[in-house]
């Protein structure tokens, strides 16, 4: 039963764009993003696995990753959507 198929398509397209944005990150950043946001690993675990020296460094890296993804999504998703 389809309540709003166009909304489902938009969500699917959004995830496709997000995946493309993540794929555009440097490998190390993509891995850190995946471990934190998809795997749900703790900061301490990520620091050990990815050899990040301190938790503060990890927060800086994650902040930069999120800013890159935000910029990518603004360009490739939000600006490409039809205006209401």
Protein backbone atom coordinates (compact mmCIF):
# COMPACT_ATOMS: atom_id res chain seq x y z
CA UNK A 1 0.00 0.00 0.00
CA UNK A 2 1.54 3.30 -1.15
CA UNK A 3 0.53 6.35 0.86
CA UNK A 4 2.80 8.77 -0.98
CA UNK A 5 5.09 7.08 -3.49
CA UNK A 6 6.76 10.38 -4.44
CA UNK A 7 7.93 10.79 -0.82
CA UNK A 8 9.40 7.28 -0.82
CA UNK A 9 11.22 8.06 -4.04
CA UNK A 10 12.56 11.31 -2.56
CA UNK A 11 13.85 9.44 0.50
CA UNK A 12 15.49 6.83 -1.71
CA UNK A 13 17.10 9.55 -3.81
CA UNK A 14 18.28 11.36 -0.68
CA UNK A 15 20.04 8.23 0.61
CA UNK A 16 21.61 7.74 -2.79
CA UNK A 17 22.97 11.30 -2.72
CA UNK A 18 24.19 10.86 0.87
CA UNK A 19 25.99 7.65 -0.09
CA UNK A 20 27.64 9.46 -2.99
CA UNK A 21 28.72 12.27 -0.64
CA UNK A 22 30.21 9.77 1.82
CA UNK A 23 31.96 7.99 -1.06
CA UNK A 24 33.53 11.33 -1.98
CA UNK A 25 35.21 11.62 1.42
CA UNK A 26 38.83 10.59 1.84
CA UNK A 27 38.95 6.90 2.85
CA UNK A 28 39.95 7.56 6.46
CA UNK A 29 37.15 10.10 6.95
CA UNK A 30 34.58 7.80 5.34
CA UNK A 31 35.65 4.96 7.64
CA UNK A 32 35.44 7.18 10.76
CA UNK A 33 31.98 8.41 9.70
CA UNK A 34 30.83 4.83 9.09
CA UNK A 35 32.14 3.59 12.44
CA UNK A 36 30.48 6.41 14.37
CA UNK A 37 27.17 6.93 12.57
CA UNK A 38 26.42 3.48 11.15
CA UNK A 39 28.20 1.08 13.50
CA UNK A 40 27.54 3.29 16.54
CA UNK A 41 31.02 2.80 17.97
CA UNK A 42 32.09 4.90 20.92
CA UNK A 43 34.66 7.64 20.55
CA UNK A 44 37.21 5.62 22.53
CA UNK A 45 36.70 2.57 20.31
CA UNK A 46 37.11 4.63 17.15
CA UNK A 47 40.26 6.26 18.50
CA UNK A 48 41.78 2.81 19.09
CA UNK A 49 40.71 1.32 15.76
CA UNK A 50 41.66 4.36 13.68
CA UNK A 51 44.74 5.35 15.70
CA UNK A 52 43.40 8.81 16.58
CA UNK A 53 45.49 10.22 19.41
CA UNK A 54 42.78 11.84 21.54
CA UNK A 55 39.01 12.00 21.72
CA UNK A 56 39.23 15.75 21.10
CA UNK A 57 41.00 15.06 17.80
CA UNK A 58 38.18 12.68 16.88
CA UNK A 59 35.54 15.34 17.57
CA UNK A 60 37.42 17.78 15.32
CA UNK A 61 37.63 15.15 12.56
CA UNK A 62 33.92 14.31 12.89
CA UNK A 63 33.01 18.00 12.79
CA UNK A 64 34.98 18.45 9.56
CA UNK A 65 33.37 15.35 8.08
CA UNK A 66 29.90 16.63 8.90
CA UNK A 67 30.68 20.02 7.38
CA UNK A 68 31.88 18.36 4.15
CA UNK A 69 28.76 16.20 4.02
CA UNK A 70 26.55 19.19 4.72
CA UNK A 71 28.12 21.13 1.85
CA UNK A 72 27.80 18.14 -0.47
CA UNK A 73 24.13 17.64 0.46
CA UNK A 74 23.36 21.32 0.06
CA UNK A 75 24.77 21.27 -3.46
CA UNK A 76 23.57 17.84 -4.59
CA UNK A 77 20.29 17.47 -2.75
CA UNK A 78 18.74 20.62 -1.33
CA UNK A 79 19.61 22.92 -4.23
CA UNK A 80 18.45 20.32 -6.74
CA UNK A 81 14.97 19.91 -5.20
CA UNK A 82 12.07 21.75 -6.84
CA UNK A 83 10.94 24.81 -4.94
CA UNK A 84 7.43 24.66 -3.47
